[in-house]
Amino acid sequence: MATTRVISRIPAFFPRRHLSTSTVACGKAVKGPDVVLKEREWQLEFFQDKGKIYDKKPFKFTLKEGKKYIWCCCGNSKTQPFCDGTHLSPFLKIKQKPVVFKAPKTMDVWLCNCKQTNNRPFCDGTHRRPDIQAAIKD
């Protein structure tokens, strides 16, 4: 008689670990008020490309303390200035990823809509350049 052996692909004695380098996982490991800055620095280091110009004026918005926001970096989102996942479409071949940040306190801010800012996601006045003003016509 033939005996059957069940061979597991993952041996029982190996611990199953979930390793992640996502922004959320890294942000939870760091405690303190500078978590937002570290998340932004990490994202800006890898995502240097500028997105498509959406508008030539910034968007005034009230951030609420402790809430997480996802700012569109590619310029293709239908819910500007926030991301709606359009960059995930394989047909568009978009390289930019959204900037995820957490509001340190409740405050009014100007979010960039031209997507050319050097202070992502906040407006730094780059939209006043002539090339950006010429790119979008009213």
N, C-alpha and C. Protein backbone atom coordinates (compact mmCIF):
# COMPACT_ATOMS: atom_id res chain seq x y z
N MET A 1 0.83 -1.19 0.00
CA MET A 1 0.00 0.00 0.00
C MET A 1 0.87 1.24 0.00
N ALA A 2 0.42 2.19 -0.77
CA ALA A 2 1.17 3.44 -0.85
C ALA A 2 0.68 4.40 0.23
N THR A 3 1.62 5.02 0.86
CA THR A 3 1.24 6.02 1.88
C THR A 3 1.38 7.41 1.26
N THR A 4 0.50 8.27 1.65
CA THR A 4 0.55 9.64 1.14
C THR A 4 1.13 10.56 2.19
N ARG A 5 1.98 11.45 1.73
CA ARG A 5 2.56 12.44 2.63
C ARG A 5 2.08 13.82 2.22
N VAL A 6 1.73 14.59 3.19
CA VAL A 6 1.32 15.96 2.93
C VAL A 6 2.53 16.85 3.19
N ILE A 7 2.94 17.54 2.15
CA ILE A 7 4.09 18.43 2.29
C ILE A 7 3.58 19.86 2.24
N SER A 8 3.86 20.56 3.28
CA SER A 8 3.44 21.97 3.35
C SER A 8 4.47 22.83 2.65
N ARG A 9 4.00 23.82 1.94
CA ARG A 9 4.91 24.74 1.27
C ARG A 9 5.63 25.64 2.27
N ILE A 10 4.98 25.94 3.35
CA ILE A 10 5.59 26.76 4.40
C ILE A 10 5.71 25.90 5.64
N PRO A 11 6.93 25.56 6.04
CA PRO A 11 7.09 24.74 7.24
C PRO A 11 6.50 25.44 8.46
N ALA A 12 5.98 24.66 9.37
CA ALA A 12 5.29 25.20 10.54
C ALA A 12 6.25 25.90 11.49
N PHE A 13 7.52 25.55 11.46
CA PHE A 13 8.44 26.14 12.42
C PHE A 13 8.97 27.51 12.00
N PHE A 14 8.71 27.96 10.76
CA PHE A 14 9.13 29.29 10.35
C PHE A 14 8.05 30.30 10.73
N PRO A 15 8.44 31.35 11.44
CA PRO A 15 7.43 32.37 11.77
C PRO A 15 7.04 33.15 10.52
N ARG A 16 5.79 33.46 10.43
CA ARG A 16 5.29 34.24 9.29
C ARG A 16 5.30 35.71 9.67
N ARG A 17 6.15 36.45 9.02
CA ARG A 17 6.27 37.88 9.33
C ARG A 17 5.80 38.69 8.14
N HIS A 18 5.19 39.79 8.45
CA HIS A 18 4.75 40.71 7.41
C HIS A 18 5.68 41.92 7.48
N LEU A 19 6.57 42.02 6.53
CA LEU A 19 7.50 43.14 6.49
C LEU A 19 6.98 44.16 5.49
N SER A 20 6.95 45.40 5.92
CA SER A 20 6.43 46.44 5.06
C SER A 20 7.25 47.71 5.24
N THR A 21 7.46 48.42 4.15
CA THR A 21 8.14 49.71 4.22
C THR A 21 7.20 50.82 3.78
N SER A 22 5.91 50.56 3.87
CA SER A 22 4.95 51.57 3.45
C SER A 22 5.01 52.77 4.39
N THR A 23 4.51 53.89 3.93
CA THR A 23 4.51 55.12 4.70
C THR A 23 3.73 54.95 5.99
N VAL A 24 2.61 54.26 5.92
CA VAL A 24 1.77 54.08 7.09
C VAL A 24 2.49 53.24 8.14
N ALA A 25 3.11 52.14 7.72
CA ALA A 25 3.80 51.26 8.66
C ALA A 25 4.98 51.98 9.30
N CYS A 26 5.75 52.74 8.51
CA CYS A 26 6.89 53.47 9.05
C CYS A 26 6.43 54.58 9.98
N GLY A 27 5.33 55.22 9.65
CA GLY A 27 4.81 56.31 10.46
C GLY A 27 4.33 55.84 11.82
N LYS A 28 3.78 54.64 11.90
CA LYS A 28 3.28 54.13 13.16
C LYS A 28 4.43 53.77 14.10
N ALA A 29 5.59 53.43 13.55
CA ALA A 29 6.72 53.04 14.37
C ALA A 29 7.36 54.24 15.04
N VAL A 30 7.18 55.42 14.51
CA VAL A 30 7.80 56.63 15.04
C VAL A 30 6.78 57.38 15.87
N LYS A 31 7.17 57.73 17.08
CA LYS A 31 6.28 58.47 17.96
C LYS A 31 6.76 59.91 18.05
N GLY A 32 5.85 60.84 18.23
CA GLY A 32 6.23 62.22 18.41
C GLY A 32 5.62 63.14 17.38
N PRO A 33 5.80 64.44 17.57
CA PRO A 33 5.17 65.41 16.69
C PRO A 33 5.80 65.51 15.31
N ASP A 34 7.02 64.95 15.09
CA ASP A 34 7.68 65.10 13.81
C ASP A 34 7.41 63.95 12.85
N VAL A 35 6.41 63.12 13.12
CA VAL A 35 6.07 62.01 12.23
C VAL A 35 5.69 62.51 10.85
N VAL A 36 4.93 63.58 10.79
CA VAL A 36 4.48 64.12 9.50
C VAL A 36 5.68 64.54 8.66
N LEU A 37 6.64 65.20 9.26
CA LEU A 37 7.81 65.65 8.52
C LEU A 37 8.62 64.48 8.00
N LYS A 38 8.79 63.45 8.80
CA LYS A 38 9.57 62.30 8.36
C LYS A 38 8.87 61.58 7.22
N GLU A 39 7.55 61.46 7.27
CA GLU A 39 6.81 60.83 6.18
C GLU A 39 6.99 61.64 4.90
N ARG A 40 6.85 62.96 4.99
CA ARG A 40 6.98 63.81 3.80
C ARG A 40 8.40 63.75 3.25
N GLU A 41 9.42 63.79 4.11
CA GLU A 41 10.80 63.74 3.63
C GLU A 41 11.06 62.44 2.90
N TRP A 42 10.57 61.34 3.44
CA TRP A 42 10.78 60.04 2.82
C TRP A 42 10.12 60.00 1.45
N GLN A 43 8.90 60.50 1.33
CA GLN A 43 8.19 60.47 0.06
C GLN A 43 8.83 61.41 -0.96
N LEU A 44 9.25 62.58 -0.53
CA LEU A 44 9.82 63.55 -1.46
C LEU A 44 11.17 63.08 -2.00
N GLU A 45 11.87 62.27 -1.20
CA GLU A 45 13.17 61.75 -1.64
C GLU A 45 13.01 60.83 -2.85
N PHE A 46 11.94 60.06 -2.90
CA PHE A 46 11.74 59.09 -3.97
C PHE A 46 10.91 59.62 -5.14
N PHE A 47 10.03 60.57 -4.90
CA PHE A 47 9.14 61.04 -5.94
C PHE A 47 9.50 62.47 -6.33
N GLN A 48 10.47 62.63 -7.21
CA GLN A 48 10.93 63.95 -7.61
C GLN A 48 10.20 64.49 -8.84
N ASP A 49 9.54 63.64 -9.62
CA ASP A 49 8.87 64.09 -10.84
C ASP A 49 7.69 65.00 -10.51
N LYS A 50 7.47 65.98 -11.38
CA LYS A 50 6.33 66.88 -11.24
C LYS A 50 5.18 66.35 -12.07
N GLY A 51 3.97 66.54 -11.59
CA GLY A 51 2.79 66.04 -12.28
C GLY A 51 2.27 67.00 -13.34
N LYS A 52 1.16 66.60 -13.94
CA LYS A 52 0.48 67.41 -14.96
C LYS A 52 -0.16 68.62 -14.29
N ILE A 53 -0.06 69.78 -14.90
CA ILE A 53 -0.63 71.00 -14.33
C ILE A 53 -2.16 70.89 -14.39
N TYR A 54 -2.80 70.97 -13.23
CA TYR A 54 -4.26 70.85 -13.16
C TYR A 54 -4.92 72.23 -13.21
N ASP A 55 -4.40 73.17 -12.42
CA ASP A 55 -4.99 74.51 -12.34
C ASP A 55 -3.88 75.50 -12.02
N LYS A 56 -4.11 76.77 -12.30
CA LYS A 56 -3.09 77.78 -12.02
C LYS A 56 -3.34 78.55 -10.73
N LYS A 57 -4.26 78.06 -9.92
CA LYS A 57 -4.54 78.68 -8.63
C LYS A 57 -4.51 77.60 -7.54
N PRO A 58 -4.04 77.93 -6.33
CA PRO A 58 -4.06 76.96 -5.23
C PRO A 58 -5.48 76.78 -4.68
N PHE A 59 -5.64 75.77 -3.83
CA PHE A 59 -6.93 75.42 -3.26
C PHE A 59 -6.86 75.62 -1.74
N LYS A 60 -7.70 76.49 -1.19
CA LYS A 60 -7.71 76.71 0.26
C LYS A 60 -8.53 75.61 0.93
N PHE A 61 -7.95 75.02 1.98
CA PHE A 61 -8.60 73.90 2.65
C PHE A 61 -8.28 73.94 4.13
N THR A 62 -9.23 73.51 4.97
CA THR A 62 -9.02 73.43 6.40
C THR A 62 -8.66 72.00 6.77
N LEU A 63 -7.43 71.80 7.23
CA LEU A 63 -6.99 70.47 7.69
C LEU A 63 -7.47 70.27 9.11
N LYS A 64 -7.88 69.05 9.43
CA LYS A 64 -8.33 68.72 10.78
C LYS A 64 -7.26 67.91 11.48
N GLU A 65 -7.00 68.25 12.72
CA GLU A 65 -5.93 67.62 13.49
C GLU A 65 -6.05 66.10 13.53
N GLY A 66 -4.95 65.42 13.24
CA GLY A 66 -4.89 63.96 13.32
C GLY A 66 -5.44 63.22 12.12
N LYS A 67 -6.06 63.91 11.18
CA LYS A 67 -6.64 63.24 10.02
C LYS A 67 -5.58 63.05 8.93
N LYS A 68 -5.66 61.92 8.23
CA LYS A 68 -4.71 61.62 7.16
C LYS A 68 -5.29 62.09 5.83
N TYR A 69 -4.47 62.77 5.03
CA TYR A 69 -4.87 63.27 3.73
C TYR A 69 -3.96 62.69 2.65
N ILE A 70 -4.52 62.49 1.47
CA ILE A 70 -3.76 61.95 0.34
C ILE A 70 -3.87 62.96 -0.80
N TRP A 71 -2.78 63.70 -1.03
CA TRP A 71 -2.73 64.76 -2.03
C TRP A 71 -2.30 64.20 -3.37
N CYS A 72 -3.05 64.51 -4.42
CA CYS A 72 -2.75 64.04 -5.77
C CYS A 72 -1.49 64.72 -6.29
N CYS A 73 -0.55 63.93 -6.74
CA CYS A 73 0.71 64.45 -7.26
C CYS A 73 0.77 64.38 -8.78
N CYS A 74 -0.07 63.54 -9.38
CA CYS A 74 0.01 63.33 -10.83
C CYS A 74 -0.79 64.36 -11.63
N GLY A 75 -1.82 64.96 -11.03
CA GLY A 75 -2.63 65.96 -11.72
C GLY A 75 -3.78 65.38 -12.52
N ASN A 76 -4.00 64.07 -12.47
CA ASN A 76 -5.06 63.43 -13.25
C ASN A 76 -6.30 63.08 -12.44
N SER A 77 -6.27 63.27 -11.13
CA SER A 77 -7.39 62.92 -10.26
C SER A 77 -8.62 63.77 -10.58
N LYS A 78 -9.79 63.18 -10.46
CA LYS A 78 -11.05 63.90 -10.68
C LYS A 78 -11.50 64.62 -9.41
N THR A 79 -10.87 64.32 -8.28
CA THR A 79 -11.24 64.93 -7.00
C THR A 79 -10.12 65.83 -6.50
N GLN A 80 -9.58 66.67 -7.37
CA GLN A 80 -8.46 67.55 -7.02
C GLN A 80 -8.80 68.43 -5.83
N PRO A 81 -7.87 68.70 -4.95
CA PRO A 81 -6.46 68.35 -4.97
C PRO A 81 -6.15 66.99 -4.34
N PHE A 82 -7.17 66.21 -4.02
CA PHE A 82 -6.94 64.93 -3.36
C PHE A 82 -6.96 63.78 -4.36
N CYS A 83 -6.30 62.70 -4.00
CA CYS A 83 -6.14 61.55 -4.89
C CYS A 83 -7.41 60.70 -4.92
N ASP A 84 -7.75 60.21 -6.11
CA ASP A 84 -8.86 59.27 -6.25
C ASP A 84 -8.40 57.93 -6.82
N GLY A 85 -7.09 57.74 -6.95
CA GLY A 85 -6.55 56.47 -7.43
C GLY A 85 -6.38 56.39 -8.93
N THR A 86 -6.53 57.49 -9.65
CA THR A 86 -6.38 57.48 -11.10
C THR A 86 -4.99 57.02 -11.52
N HIS A 87 -3.98 57.32 -10.70
CA HIS A 87 -2.60 56.95 -11.04
C HIS A 87 -2.39 55.43 -11.09
N LEU A 88 -3.34 54.67 -10.57
CA LEU A 88 -3.22 53.21 -10.55
C LEU A 88 -3.62 52.56 -11.88
N SER A 89 -4.23 53.32 -12.77
CA SER A 89 -4.67 52.78 -14.06
C SER A 89 -3.47 52.36 -14.91
N PRO A 90 -3.43 51.10 -15.35
CA PRO A 90 -2.29 50.66 -16.16
C PRO A 90 -2.27 51.29 -17.55
N PHE A 91 -3.38 51.82 -18.00
CA PHE A 91 -3.45 52.42 -19.33
C PHE A 91 -2.83 53.81 -19.39
N LEU A 92 -2.82 54.52 -18.26
CA LEU A 92 -2.29 55.88 -18.25
C LEU A 92 -0.78 55.94 -18.05
N LYS A 93 -0.19 54.89 -17.46
CA LYS A 93 1.26 54.82 -17.23
C LYS A 93 1.78 56.05 -16.47
N ILE A 94 1.17 56.32 -15.33
CA ILE A 94 1.55 57.47 -14.50
C ILE A 94 2.61 57.02 -13.51
N LYS A 95 3.71 57.76 -13.42
CA LYS A 95 4.81 57.41 -12.52
C LYS A 95 4.67 58.05 -11.14
N GLN A 96 3.99 59.18 -11.05
CA GLN A 96 3.89 59.88 -9.78
C GLN A 96 2.94 59.15 -8.83
N LYS A 97 3.27 59.21 -7.55
CA LYS A 97 2.43 58.63 -6.50
C LYS A 97 1.94 59.77 -5.60
N PRO A 98 0.81 59.60 -4.94
CA PRO A 98 0.29 60.67 -4.09
C PRO A 98 1.14 60.89 -2.84
N VAL A 99 1.03 62.07 -2.27
CA VAL A 99 1.72 62.40 -1.03
C VAL A 99 0.74 62.19 0.11
N VAL A 100 1.09 61.32 1.03
CA VAL A 100 0.24 61.02 2.18
C VAL A 100 0.79 61.81 3.37
N PHE A 101 -0.06 62.57 4.03
CA PHE A 101 0.39 63.33 5.19
C PHE A 101 -0.71 63.40 6.23
N LYS A 102 -0.29 63.64 7.47
CA LYS A 102 -1.21 63.73 8.59
C LYS A 102 -1.14 65.15 9.14
N ALA A 103 -2.29 65.75 9.36
CA ALA A 103 -2.33 67.13 9.84
C ALA A 103 -1.91 67.19 11.30
N PRO A 104 -0.89 67.99 11.63
CA PRO A 104 -0.44 68.09 13.03
C PRO A 104 -1.41 68.87 13.90
N LYS A 105 -2.15 69.80 13.29
CA LYS A 105 -3.15 70.58 14.03
C LYS A 105 -4.19 71.09 13.04
N THR A 106 -5.31 71.57 13.55
CA THR A 106 -6.36 72.11 12.70
C THR A 106 -5.92 73.49 12.22
N MET A 107 -5.88 73.66 10.88
CA MET A 107 -5.42 74.93 10.33
C MET A 107 -5.86 75.06 8.88
N ASP A 108 -5.91 76.31 8.41
CA ASP A 108 -6.20 76.60 7.00
C ASP A 108 -4.89 76.59 6.23
N VAL A 109 -4.87 75.89 5.09
CA VAL A 109 -3.67 75.82 4.25
C VAL A 109 -4.07 76.01 2.79
N TRP A 110 -3.09 76.33 1.96
CA TRP A 110 -3.28 76.41 0.51
C TRP A 110 -2.60 75.20 -0.09
N LEU A 111 -3.39 74.32 -0.70
CA LEU A 111 -2.84 73.13 -1.35
C LEU A 111 -2.57 73.44 -2.82
N CYS A 112 -1.43 72.98 -3.30
CA CYS A 112 -1.01 73.27 -4.67
C CYS A 112 -1.88 72.53 -5.68
N ASN A 113 -2.32 73.24 -6.71
CA ASN A 113 -3.07 72.63 -7.81
C ASN A 113 -2.28 72.60 -9.10
N CYS A 114 -1.15 73.34 -9.16
CA CYS A 114 -0.35 73.30 -10.38
C CYS A 114 0.60 72.10 -10.38
N LYS A 115 0.78 71.47 -9.24
CA LYS A 115 1.60 70.25 -9.08
C LYS A 115 3.08 70.48 -9.33
N GLN A 116 3.52 71.75 -9.40
CA GLN A 116 4.93 72.06 -9.66
C GLN A 116 5.63 72.59 -8.41
N THR A 117 4.98 72.56 -7.27
CA THR A 117 5.53 73.11 -6.04
C THR A 117 6.75 72.32 -5.56
N ASN A 118 7.63 73.00 -4.84
CA ASN A 118 8.78 72.34 -4.21
C ASN A 118 8.50 72.07 -2.74
N ASN A 119 7.31 72.41 -2.27
CA ASN A 119 6.91 72.20 -0.88
C ASN A 119 5.64 71.36 -0.86
N ARG A 120 5.68 70.20 -1.48
CA ARG A 120 4.50 69.34 -1.59
C ARG A 120 3.92 69.01 -0.23
N PRO A 121 2.64 69.04 -0.05
CA PRO A 121 1.53 69.34 -0.94
C PRO A 121 1.12 70.82 -0.91
N PHE A 122 1.90 71.64 -0.23
CA PHE A 122 1.49 73.03 -0.01
C PHE A 122 1.99 73.95 -1.13
N CYS A 123 1.23 75.01 -1.37
CA CYS A 123 1.57 75.98 -2.41
C CYS A 123 2.77 76.81 -1.97
N ASP A 124 3.70 77.02 -2.90
CA ASP A 124 4.85 77.88 -2.63
C ASP A 124 4.93 79.05 -3.61
N GLY A 125 3.87 79.27 -4.37
CA GLY A 125 3.82 80.38 -5.31
C GLY A 125 4.38 80.06 -6.69
N THR A 126 4.70 78.82 -6.95
CA THR A 126 5.25 78.42 -8.24
C THR A 126 4.25 78.66 -9.37
N HIS A 127 2.96 78.65 -9.05
CA HIS A 127 1.93 78.84 -10.08
C HIS A 127 1.99 80.22 -10.73
N ARG A 128 2.74 81.14 -10.16
CA ARG A 128 2.86 82.49 -10.73
C ARG A 128 3.85 82.56 -11.90
N ARG A 129 4.62 81.51 -12.11
CA ARG A 129 5.58 81.51 -13.22
C ARG A 129 4.84 81.64 -14.55
N PRO A 130 5.42 82.34 -15.53
CA PRO A 130 4.74 82.54 -16.82
C PRO A 130 4.44 81.24 -17.57
N ASP A 131 5.34 80.26 -17.48
CA ASP A 131 5.10 79.00 -18.20
C ASP A 131 3.90 78.24 -17.65
N ILE A 132 3.67 78.33 -16.34
CA ILE A 132 2.51 77.66 -15.74
C ILE A 132 1.23 78.44 -16.05
N GLN A 133 1.30 79.76 -16.01
CA GLN A 133 0.13 80.57 -16.34
C GLN A 133 -0.28 80.36 -17.80
N ALA A 134 0.68 80.13 -18.68
CA ALA A 134 0.38 79.91 -20.10
C ALA A 134 -0.12 78.50 -20.37
N ALA A 135 0.19 77.56 -19.49
CA ALA A 135 -0.19 76.16 -19.71
C ALA A 135 -1.69 75.94 -19.59
N ILE A 136 -2.34 76.66 -18.69
CA ILE A 136 -3.77 76.50 -18.46
C ILE A 136 -4.47 77.79 -18.88
N LYS A 137 -5.41 77.67 -19.77
CA LYS A 137 -6.20 78.83 -20.21
C LYS A 137 -7.58 78.76 -19.57
N ASP A 138 -8.11 79.92 -19.15
CA ASP A 138 -9.44 79.94 -18.52
C ASP A 138 -10.52 79.62 -19.45
